[in-house]
Amino acid sequence: RQAPGQVRELVASITAGGMTDYADFVKGRFTISRD
């Protein structure tokens, strides 16, 4: 994500194997998934 005037920052990732990872500022609130 990128807010106005801010640098782009990583929010969440999902690996090919399905492992997920989150930035601390969204942990517990955001969920990454795929279909």
Full PDB file with SEQRES, HELIX, SHEET, SSBOND, CRYST1, ORIGX, SCALE, CONECT and MASTER records, all heavy atoms in Angstrom:
SEQRES   1 A   35  ARG GLN ALA PRO GLY GLN VAL ARG GLU LEU VAL ALA SER          
SEQRES   2 A   35  ILE THR ALA GLY GLY MET THR ASP TYR ALA ASP PHE VAL          
SEQRES   3 A   35  LYS GLY ARG PHE THR ILE SER ARG ASP                          
SHEET    1 AA1 2 ALA A  12  ILE A  14  0                                        
SHEET    2 AA1 2 THR A  20  TYR A  22 -1                                        
CRYST1    1.000    1.000    1.000  90.00  90.00  90.00 P 1           1          
ORIGX1      1.000000  0.000000  0.000000        0.00000                         
ORIGX2      0.000000  1.000000  0.000000        0.00000                         
ORIGX3      0.000000  0.000000  1.000000        0.00000                         
SCALE1      1.000000  0.000000  0.000000        0.00000                         
SCALE2      0.000000  1.000000  0.000000        0.00000                         
SCALE3      0.000000  0.000000  1.000000        0.00000                         
ATOM      1  N   ARG A   1       0.836  -1.191   0.000  1.00  0.00           N  
ATOM      2  CA  ARG A   1       0.000   0.000   0.000  1.00  0.00           C  
ATOM      3  C   ARG A   1       0.874   1.245   0.000  1.00  0.00           C  
ATOM      4  O   ARG A   1       2.024   1.209   0.427  1.00  0.00           O  
ATOM      5  CB  ARG A   1      -0.944   0.018   1.203  1.00  0.00           C  
ATOM      6  CG  ARG A   1      -0.294   0.277   2.539  1.00  0.00           C  
ATOM      7  CD  ARG A   1      -1.326   0.136   3.650  1.00  0.00           C  
ATOM      8  NE  ARG A   1      -0.777   0.538   4.951  1.00  0.00           N  
ATOM      9  CZ  ARG A   1      -1.445   0.398   6.097  1.00  0.00           C  
ATOM     10  NH1 ARG A   1      -2.671  -0.121   6.108  1.00  0.00           N  
ATOM     11  NH2 ARG A   1      -0.888   0.799   7.230  1.00  0.00           N  
ATOM     12  N   GLN A   2       0.286   2.323  -0.487  1.00  0.00           N  
ATOM     13  CA  GLN A   2       0.989   3.595  -0.506  1.00  0.00           C  
ATOM     14  C   GLN A   2       0.008   4.714  -0.197  1.00  0.00           C  
ATOM     15  O   GLN A   2      -0.951   4.923  -0.949  1.00  0.00           O  
ATOM     16  CB  GLN A   2       1.663   3.838  -1.859  1.00  0.00           C  
ATOM     17  CG  GLN A   2       2.549   5.064  -1.873  1.00  0.00           C  
ATOM     18  CD  GLN A   2       3.409   5.149  -3.117  1.00  0.00           C  
ATOM     19  OE1 GLN A   2       3.129   4.535  -4.143  1.00  0.00           O  
ATOM     20  NE2 GLN A   2       4.496   5.892  -3.038  1.00  0.00           N  
ATOM     21  N   ALA A   3       0.254   5.380   0.905  1.00  0.00           N  
ATOM     22  CA  ALA A   3      -0.557   6.535   1.287  1.00  0.00           C  
ATOM     23  C   ALA A   3       0.022   7.781   0.627  1.00  0.00           C  
ATOM     24  O   ALA A   3       1.206   7.813   0.277  1.00  0.00           O  
ATOM     25  CB  ALA A   3      -0.570   6.678   2.796  1.00  0.00           C  
ATOM     26  N   PRO A   4      -0.780   8.815   0.468  1.00  0.00           N  
ATOM     27  CA  PRO A   4      -0.293  10.050  -0.160  1.00  0.00           C  
ATOM     28  C   PRO A   4       0.945  10.586   0.557  1.00  0.00           C  
ATOM     29  O   PRO A   4       0.950  10.739   1.781  1.00  0.00           O  
ATOM     30  CB  PRO A   4      -1.476  11.001  -0.016  1.00  0.00           C  
ATOM     31  CG  PRO A   4      -2.666  10.108   0.052  1.00  0.00           C  
ATOM     32  CD  PRO A   4      -2.211   8.884   0.788  1.00  0.00           C  
ATOM     33  N   GLY A   5       1.999  10.840  -0.206  1.00  0.00           N  
ATOM     34  CA  GLY A   5       3.215  11.391   0.363  1.00  0.00           C  
ATOM     35  C   GLY A   5       4.062  10.412   1.134  1.00  0.00           C  
ATOM     36  O   GLY A   5       5.058  10.807   1.750  1.00  0.00           O  
ATOM     37  N   GLN A   6       3.672   9.148   1.113  1.00  0.00           N  
ATOM     38  CA  GLN A   6       4.400   8.140   1.869  1.00  0.00           C  
ATOM     39  C   GLN A   6       5.049   7.130   0.922  1.00  0.00           C  
ATOM     40  O   GLN A   6       4.687   7.029  -0.252  1.00  0.00           O  
ATOM     41  CB  GLN A   6       3.450   7.397   2.818  1.00  0.00           C  
ATOM     42  CG  GLN A   6       2.728   8.293   3.796  1.00  0.00           C  
ATOM     43  CD  GLN A   6       3.657   8.976   4.770  1.00  0.00           C  
ATOM     44  OE1 GLN A   6       4.573   8.356   5.306  1.00  0.00           O  
ATOM     45  NE2 GLN A   6       3.449  10.265   4.983  1.00  0.00           N  
ATOM     46  N   VAL A   7       6.009   6.374   1.458  1.00  0.00           N  
ATOM     47  CA  VAL A   7       6.625   5.308   0.659  1.00  0.00           C  
ATOM     48  C   VAL A   7       5.694   4.111   0.605  1.00  0.00           C  
ATOM     49  O   VAL A   7       4.841   3.924   1.476  1.00  0.00           O  
ATOM     50  CB  VAL A   7       7.997   4.911   1.244  1.00  0.00           C  
ATOM     51  CG1 VAL A   7       8.954   6.091   1.226  1.00  0.00           C  
ATOM     52  CG2 VAL A   7       7.839   4.350   2.643  1.00  0.00           C  
ATOM     53  N   ARG A   8       5.863   3.342  -0.447  1.00  0.00           N  
ATOM     54  CA  ARG A   8       5.072   2.113  -0.565  1.00  0.00           C  
ATOM     55  C   ARG A   8       5.553   1.117   0.486  1.00  0.00           C  
ATOM     56  O   ARG A   8       6.759   0.947   0.690  1.00  0.00           O  
ATOM     57  CB  ARG A   8       5.229   1.549  -1.976  1.00  0.00           C  
ATOM     58  CG  ARG A   8       4.236   0.491  -2.354  1.00  0.00           C  
ATOM     59  CD  ARG A   8       4.299   0.181  -3.833  1.00  0.00           C  
ATOM     60  NE  ARG A   8       3.783   1.295  -4.638  1.00  0.00           N  
ATOM     61  CZ  ARG A   8       3.563   1.216  -5.948  1.00  0.00           C  
ATOM     62  NH1 ARG A   8       3.811   0.085  -6.591  1.00  0.00           N  
ATOM     63  NH2 ARG A   8       3.106   2.255  -6.615  1.00  0.00           N  
ATOM     64  N   GLU A   9       4.615   0.448   1.145  1.00  0.00           N  
ATOM     65  CA  GLU A   9       4.988  -0.490   2.211  1.00  0.00           C  
ATOM     66  C   GLU A   9       4.290  -1.824   2.026  1.00  0.00           C  
ATOM     67  O   GLU A   9       3.151  -1.904   1.542  1.00  0.00           O  
ATOM     68  CB  GLU A   9       4.647   0.098   3.591  1.00  0.00           C  
ATOM     69  CG  GLU A   9       3.206   0.489   3.801  1.00  0.00           C  
ATOM     70  CD  GLU A   9       2.976   1.199   5.130  1.00  0.00           C  
ATOM     71  OE1 GLU A   9       3.942   1.433   5.894  1.00  0.00           O  
ATOM     72  OE2 GLU A   9       1.808   1.521   5.417  1.00  0.00           O  
ATOM     73  N   LEU A  10       4.996  -2.870   2.427  1.00  0.00           N  
ATOM     74  CA  LEU A  10       4.471  -4.224   2.328  1.00  0.00           C  
ATOM     75  C   LEU A  10       3.412  -4.438   3.397  1.00  0.00           C  
ATOM     76  O   LEU A  10       3.623  -4.127   4.567  1.00  0.00           O  
ATOM     77  CB  LEU A  10       5.608  -5.230   2.502  1.00  0.00           C  
ATOM     78  CG  LEU A  10       5.244  -6.706   2.460  1.00  0.00           C  
ATOM     79  CD1 LEU A  10       4.672  -7.089   1.102  1.00  0.00           C  
ATOM     80  CD2 LEU A  10       6.482  -7.549   2.777  1.00  0.00           C  
ATOM     81  N   VAL A  11       2.292  -4.989   2.981  1.00  0.00           N  
ATOM     82  CA  VAL A  11       1.182  -5.245   3.898  1.00  0.00           C  
ATOM     83  C   VAL A  11       1.084  -6.726   4.251  1.00  0.00           C  
ATOM     84  O   VAL A  11       1.004  -7.093   5.422  1.00  0.00           O  
ATOM     85  CB  VAL A  11      -0.142  -4.768   3.269  1.00  0.00           C  
ATOM     86  CG1 VAL A  11      -1.328  -5.125   4.170  1.00  0.00           C  
ATOM     87  CG2 VAL A  11      -0.109  -3.276   2.995  1.00  0.00           C  
ATOM     88  N   ALA A  12       1.061  -7.576   3.235  1.00  0.00           N  
ATOM     89  CA  ALA A  12       0.871  -9.002   3.474  1.00  0.00           C  
ATOM     90  C   ALA A  12       1.440  -9.798   2.305  1.00  0.00           C  
ATOM     91  O   ALA A  12       1.491  -9.305   1.174  1.00  0.00           O  
ATOM     92  CB  ALA A  12      -0.609  -9.329   3.646  1.00  0.00           C  
ATOM     93  N   SER A  13       1.847 -11.035   2.609  1.00  0.00           N  
ATOM     94  CA  SER A  13       2.407 -11.922   1.598  1.00  0.00           C  
ATOM     95  C   SER A  13       1.841 -13.309   1.754  1.00  0.00           C  
ATOM     96  O   SER A  13       1.495 -13.723   2.868  1.00  0.00           O  
ATOM     97  CB  SER A  13       3.931 -11.984   1.732  1.00  0.00           C  
ATOM     98  OG  SER A  13       4.521 -10.710   1.601  1.00  0.00           O  
ATOM     99  N   ILE A  14       1.789 -14.022   0.639  1.00  0.00           N  
ATOM    100  CA  ILE A  14       1.438 -15.435   0.666  1.00  0.00           C  
ATOM    101  C   ILE A  14       2.403 -16.144  -0.269  1.00  0.00           C  
ATOM    102  O   ILE A  14       2.606 -15.729  -1.412  1.00  0.00           O  
ATOM    103  CB  ILE A  14      -0.043 -15.665   0.289  1.00  0.00           C  
ATOM    104  CG1 ILE A  14      -0.395 -17.142   0.416  1.00  0.00           C  
ATOM    105  CG2 ILE A  14      -0.365 -15.143  -1.100  1.00  0.00           C  
ATOM    106  CD1 ILE A  14      -1.904 -17.414   0.391  1.00  0.00           C  
ATOM    107  N   THR A  15       3.020 -17.215   0.235  1.00  0.00           N  
ATOM    108  CA  THR A  15       3.990 -17.937  -0.579  1.00  0.00           C  
ATOM    109  C   THR A  15       3.281 -18.917  -1.503  1.00  0.00           C  
ATOM    110  O   THR A  15       2.079 -19.204  -1.351  1.00  0.00           O  
ATOM    111  CB  THR A  15       4.974 -18.710   0.289  1.00  0.00           C  
ATOM    112  OG1 THR A  15       4.269 -19.782   0.939  1.00  0.00           O  
ATOM    113  CG2 THR A  15       5.620 -17.821   1.341  1.00  0.00           C  
ATOM    114  N   ALA A  16       4.048 -19.475  -2.433  1.00  0.00           N  
ATOM    115  CA  ALA A  16       3.483 -20.486  -3.320  1.00  0.00           C  
ATOM    116  C   ALA A  16       2.941 -21.661  -2.506  1.00  0.00           C  
ATOM    117  O   ALA A  16       1.938 -22.276  -2.882  1.00  0.00           O  
ATOM    118  CB  ALA A  16       4.549 -20.953  -4.302  1.00  0.00           C  
ATOM    119  N   GLY A  17       3.572 -21.942  -1.401  1.00  0.00           N  
ATOM    120  CA  GLY A  17       3.128 -23.039  -0.556  1.00  0.00           C  
ATOM    121  C   GLY A  17       1.993 -22.690   0.384  1.00  0.00           C  
ATOM    122  O   GLY A  17       1.493 -23.558   1.112  1.00  0.00           O  
ATOM    123  N   GLY A  18       1.579 -21.427   0.386  1.00  0.00           N  
ATOM    124  CA  GLY A  18       0.430 -21.036   1.189  1.00  0.00           C  
ATOM    125  C   GLY A  18       0.757 -20.415   2.531  1.00  0.00           C  
ATOM    126  O   GLY A  18      -0.154 -20.097   3.305  1.00  0.00           O  
ATOM    127  N   MET A  19       2.037 -20.229   2.823  1.00  0.00           N  
ATOM    128  CA  MET A  19       2.407 -19.565   4.075  1.00  0.00           C  
ATOM    129  C   MET A  19       2.110 -18.083   3.955  1.00  0.00           C  
ATOM    130  O   MET A  19       2.320 -17.483   2.902  1.00  0.00           O  
ATOM    131  CB  MET A  19       3.885 -19.784   4.367  1.00  0.00           C  
ATOM    132  CG  MET A  19       4.265 -21.239   4.544  1.00  0.00           C  
ATOM    133  SD  MET A  19       3.567 -21.950   6.052  1.00  0.00           S  
ATOM    134  CE  MET A  19       4.574 -21.089   7.262  1.00  0.00           C  
ATOM    135  N   THR A  20       1.621 -17.500   5.040  1.00  0.00           N  
ATOM    136  CA  THR A  20       1.271 -16.081   5.021  1.00  0.00           C  
ATOM    137  C   THR A  20       2.113 -15.300   6.031  1.00  0.00           C  
ATOM    138  O   THR A  20       2.596 -15.857   7.027  1.00  0.00           O  
ATOM    139  CB  THR A  20      -0.213 -15.874   5.336  1.00  0.00           C  
ATOM    140  OG1 THR A  20      -0.499 -16.434   6.631  1.00  0.00           O  
ATOM    141  CG2 THR A  20      -1.092 -16.561   4.306  1.00  0.00           C  
ATOM    142  N   ASP A  21       2.244 -14.032   5.755  1.00  0.00           N  
ATOM    143  CA  ASP A  21       2.994 -13.150   6.647  1.00  0.00           C  
ATOM    144  C   ASP A  21       2.379 -11.760   6.533  1.00  0.00           C  
ATOM    145  O   ASP A  21       1.867 -11.389   5.468  1.00  0.00           O  
ATOM    146  CB  ASP A  21       4.469 -13.105   6.265  1.00  0.00           C  
ATOM    147  CG  ASP A  21       5.322 -12.503   7.361  1.00  0.00           C  
ATOM    148  OD1 ASP A  21       4.875 -12.485   8.531  1.00  0.00           O  
ATOM    149  OD2 ASP A  21       6.436 -12.030   7.075  1.00  0.00           O  
ATOM    150  N   TYR A  22       2.462 -11.017   7.636  1.00  0.00           N  
ATOM    151  CA  TYR A  22       1.810  -9.721   7.699  1.00  0.00           C  
ATOM    152  C   TYR A  22       2.710  -8.678   8.335  1.00  0.00           C  
ATOM    153  O   TYR A  22       3.502  -8.983   9.232  1.00  0.00           O  
ATOM    154  CB  TYR A  22       0.519  -9.820   8.520  1.00  0.00           C  
ATOM    155  CG  TYR A  22      -0.472 -10.789   7.966  1.00  0.00           C  
ATOM    156  CD1 TYR A  22      -0.476 -12.119   8.367  1.00  0.00           C  
ATOM    157  CD2 TYR A  22      -1.408 -10.387   7.009  1.00  0.00           C  
ATOM    158  CE1 TYR A  22      -1.374 -13.028   7.838  1.00  0.00           C  
ATOM    159  CE2 TYR A  22      -2.319 -11.283   6.478  1.00  0.00           C  
ATOM    160  CZ  TYR A  22      -2.292 -12.602   6.899  1.00  0.00           C  
ATOM    161  OH  TYR A  22      -3.187 -13.505   6.369  1.00  0.00           O  
ATOM    162  N   ALA A  23       2.524  -7.452   7.895  1.00  0.00           N  
ATOM    163  CA  ALA A  23       3.166  -6.346   8.589  1.00  0.00           C  
ATOM    164  C   ALA A  23       2.543  -6.218   9.975  1.00  0.00           C  
ATOM    165  O   ALA A  23       1.356  -6.526  10.166  1.00  0.00           O  
ATOM    166  CB  ALA A  23       2.974  -5.053   7.810  1.00  0.00           C  
ATOM    167  N   ASP A  24       3.334  -5.770  10.930  1.00  0.00           N  
ATOM    168  CA  ASP A  24       2.833  -5.660  12.303  1.00  0.00           C  
ATOM    169  C   ASP A  24       1.592  -4.775  12.387  1.00  0.00           C  
ATOM    170  O   ASP A  24       0.699  -5.041  13.192  1.00  0.00           O  
ATOM    171  CB  ASP A  24       3.932  -5.097  13.211  1.00  0.00           C  
ATOM    172  CG  ASP A  24       5.009  -6.118  13.511  1.00  0.00           C  
ATOM    173  OD1 ASP A  24       4.779  -7.325  13.293  1.00  0.00           O  
ATOM    174  OD2 ASP A  24       6.095  -5.714  13.962  1.00  0.00           O  
ATOM    175  N   PHE A  25       1.535  -3.767  11.557  1.00  0.00           N  
ATOM    176  CA  PHE A  25       0.426  -2.813  11.675  1.00  0.00           C  
ATOM    177  C   PHE A  25      -0.905  -3.361  11.157  1.00  0.00           C  
ATOM    178  O   PHE A  25      -1.935  -2.713  11.306  1.00  0.00           O  
ATOM    179  CB  PHE A  25       0.765  -1.477  10.988  1.00  0.00           C  
ATOM    180  CG  PHE A  25       1.245  -1.588   9.567  1.00  0.00           C  
ATOM    181  CD1 PHE A  25       0.356  -1.774   8.526  1.00  0.00           C  
ATOM    182  CD2 PHE A  25       2.597  -1.502   9.284  1.00  0.00           C  
ATOM    183  CE1 PHE A  25       0.800  -1.869   7.218  1.00  0.00           C  
ATOM    184  CE2 PHE A  25       3.055  -1.596   7.974  1.00  0.00           C  
ATOM    185  CZ  PHE A  25       2.161  -1.782   6.944  1.00  0.00           C  
ATOM    186  N   VAL A  26      -0.921  -4.561  10.563  1.00  0.00           N  
ATOM    187  CA  VAL A  26      -2.189  -5.154  10.131  1.00  0.00           C  
ATOM    188  C   VAL A  26      -2.438  -6.530  10.740  1.00  0.00           C  
ATOM    189  O   VAL A  26      -3.500  -7.117  10.523  1.00  0.00           O  
ATOM    190  CB  VAL A  26      -2.294  -5.263   8.597  1.00  0.00           C  
ATOM    191  CG1 VAL A  26      -2.118  -3.897   7.935  1.00  0.00           C  
ATOM    192  CG2 VAL A  26      -1.318  -6.278   8.032  1.00  0.00           C  
ATOM    193  N   LYS A  27      -1.491  -7.029  11.508  1.00  0.00           N  
ATOM    194  CA  LYS A  27      -1.672  -8.358  12.104  1.00  0.00           C  
ATOM    195  C   LYS A  27      -2.918  -8.414  12.952  1.00  0.00           C  
ATOM    196  O   LYS A  27      -3.191  -7.522  13.753  1.00  0.00           O  
ATOM    197  CB  LYS A  27      -0.441  -8.723  12.949  1.00  0.00           C  
ATOM    198  CG  LYS A  27       0.712  -9.286  12.155  1.00  0.00           C  
ATOM    199  CD  LYS A  27       1.885  -9.668  13.046  1.00  0.00           C  
ATOM    200  CE  LYS A  27       3.030 -10.210  12.197  1.00  0.00           C  
ATOM    201  NZ  LYS A  27       4.228 -10.503  13.031  1.00  0.00           N  
ATOM    202  N   GLY A  28      -3.687  -9.473  12.760  1.00  0.00           N  
ATOM    203  CA  GLY A  28      -4.919  -9.637  13.508  1.00  0.00           C  
ATOM    204  C   GLY A  28      -6.120  -8.940  12.898  1.00  0.00           C  
ATOM    205  O   GLY A  28      -7.257  -9.152  13.334  1.00  0.00           O  
ATOM    206  N   ARG A  29      -5.872  -8.099  11.890  1.00  0.00           N  
ATOM    207  CA  ARG A  29      -6.977  -7.362  11.240  1.00  0.00           C  
ATOM    208  C   ARG A  29      -7.138  -7.745   9.766  1.00  0.00           C  
ATOM    209  O   ARG A  29      -8.264  -7.777   9.265  1.00  0.00           O  
ATOM    210  CB  ARG A  29      -6.737  -5.854  11.344  1.00  0.00           C  
ATOM    211  CG  ARG A  29      -6.629  -5.329  12.757  1.00  0.00           C  
ATOM    212  CD  ARG A  29      -6.597  -3.807  12.785  1.00  0.00           C  
ATOM    213  NE  ARG A  29      -5.442  -3.255  12.080  1.00  0.00           N  
ATOM    214  CZ  ARG A  29      -5.527  -2.371  11.077  1.00  0.00           C  
ATOM    215  NH1 ARG A  29      -6.704  -1.947  10.655  1.00  0.00           N  
ATOM    216  NH2 ARG A  29      -4.420  -1.899  10.505  1.00  0.00           N  
ATOM    217  N   PHE A  30      -6.040  -8.012   9.085  1.00  0.00           N  
ATOM    218  CA  PHE A  30      -6.072  -8.324   7.651  1.00  0.00           C  
ATOM    219  C   PHE A  30      -5.745  -9.800   7.433  1.00  0.00           C  
ATOM    220  O   PHE A  30      -4.958 -10.389   8.172  1.00  0.00           O  
ATOM    221  CB  PHE A  30      -5.048  -7.487   6.894  1.00  0.00           C  
ATOM    222  CG  PHE A  30      -5.349  -6.015   6.799  1.00  0.00           C  
ATOM    223  CD1 PHE A  30      -6.348  -5.422   7.549  1.00  0.00           C  
ATOM    224  CD2 PHE A  30      -4.615  -5.222   5.934  1.00  0.00           C  
ATOM    225  CE1 PHE A  30      -6.604  -4.066   7.457  1.00  0.00           C  
ATOM    226  CE2 PHE A  30      -4.855  -3.859   5.819  1.00  0.00           C  
ATOM    227  CZ  PHE A  30      -5.855  -3.285   6.586  1.00  0.00           C  
ATOM    228  N   THR A  31      -6.341 -10.347   6.378  1.00  0.00           N  
ATOM    229  CA  THR A  31      -6.064 -11.730   5.998  1.00  0.00           C  
ATOM    230  C   THR A  31      -5.846 -11.811   4.496  1.00  0.00           C  
ATOM    231  O   THR A  31      -6.702 -11.380   3.718  1.00  0.00           O  
ATOM    232  CB  THR A  31      -7.222 -12.653   6.393  1.00  0.00           C  
ATOM    233  OG1 THR A  31      -7.463 -12.542   7.797  1.00  0.00           O  
ATOM    234  CG2 THR A  31      -6.893 -14.103   6.048  1.00  0.00           C  
ATOM    235  N   ILE A  32      -4.712 -12.376   4.109  1.00  0.00           N  
ATOM    236  CA  ILE A  32      -4.426 -12.599   2.696  1.00  0.00           C  
ATOM    237  C   ILE A  32      -4.801 -14.034   2.350  1.00  0.00           C  
ATOM    238  O   ILE A  32      -4.579 -14.951   3.143  1.00  0.00           O  
ATOM    239  CB  ILE A  32      -2.941 -12.312   2.370  1.00  0.00           C  
ATOM    240  CG1 ILE A  32      -2.682 -12.353   0.868  1.00  0.00           C  
ATOM    241  CG2 ILE A  32      -2.008 -13.250   3.130  1.00  0.00           C  
ATOM    242  CD1 ILE A  32      -1.283 -11.873   0.479  1.00  0.00           C  
ATOM    243  N   SER A  33      -5.391 -14.209   1.175  1.00  0.00           N  
ATOM    244  CA  SER A  33      -5.770 -15.543   0.738  1.00  0.00           C  
ATOM    245  C   SER A  33      -5.819 -15.569  -0.786  1.00  0.00           C  
ATOM    246  O   SER A  33      -5.670 -14.525  -1.433  1.00  0.00           O  
ATOM    247  CB  SER A  33      -7.130 -15.946   1.317  1.00  0.00           C  
ATOM    248  OG  SER A  33      -8.151 -15.091   0.826  1.00  0.00           O  
ATOM    249  N   ARG A  34      -6.024 -16.725  -1.331  1.00  0.00           N  
ATOM    250  CA  ARG A  34      -6.123 -16.826  -2.789  1.00  0.00           C  
ATOM    251  C   ARG A  34      -7.091 -17.937  -3.160  1.00  0.00           C  
ATOM    252  O   ARG A  34      -7.307 -18.873  -2.392  1.00  0.00           O  
ATOM    253  CB  ARG A  34      -4.752 -17.101  -3.405  1.00  0.00           C  
ATOM    254  CG  ARG A  34      -4.172 -18.437  -3.039  1.00  0.00           C  
ATOM    255  CD  ARG A  34      -2.774 -18.651  -3.582  1.00  0.00           C  
ATOM    256  NE  ARG A  34      -2.294 -19.979  -3.213  1.00  0.00           N  
ATOM    257  CZ  ARG A  34      -1.055 -20.242  -2.854  1.00  0.00           C  
ATOM    258  NH1 ARG A  34      -0.147 -19.265  -2.825  1.00  0.00           N  
ATOM    259  NH2 ARG A  34      -0.706 -21.462  -2.551  1.00  0.00           N  
ATOM    260  N   ASP A  35      -7.655 -17.797  -4.330  1.00  0.00           N  
ATOM    261  CA  ASP A  35      -8.515 -18.820  -4.913  1.00  0.00           C  
ATOM    262  C   ASP A  35      -7.848 -19.218  -6.223  1.00  0.00           C  
ATOM    263  O   ASP A  35      -7.908 -18.485  -7.209  1.00  0.00           O  
ATOM    264  CB  ASP A  35      -9.920 -18.263  -5.150  1.00  0.00           C  
ATOM    265  CG  ASP A  35     -10.887 -19.329  -5.658  1.00  0.00           C  
ATOM    266  OD1 ASP A  35     -10.439 -20.244  -6.381  1.00  0.00           O  
ATOM    267  OD2 ASP A  35     -12.077 -19.230  -5.341  1.00  0.00           O  
TER     268      ASP A  35                                                      
MASTER        0    0    0    0    2    0    0    6  267    1    0    3          
END                                                                             
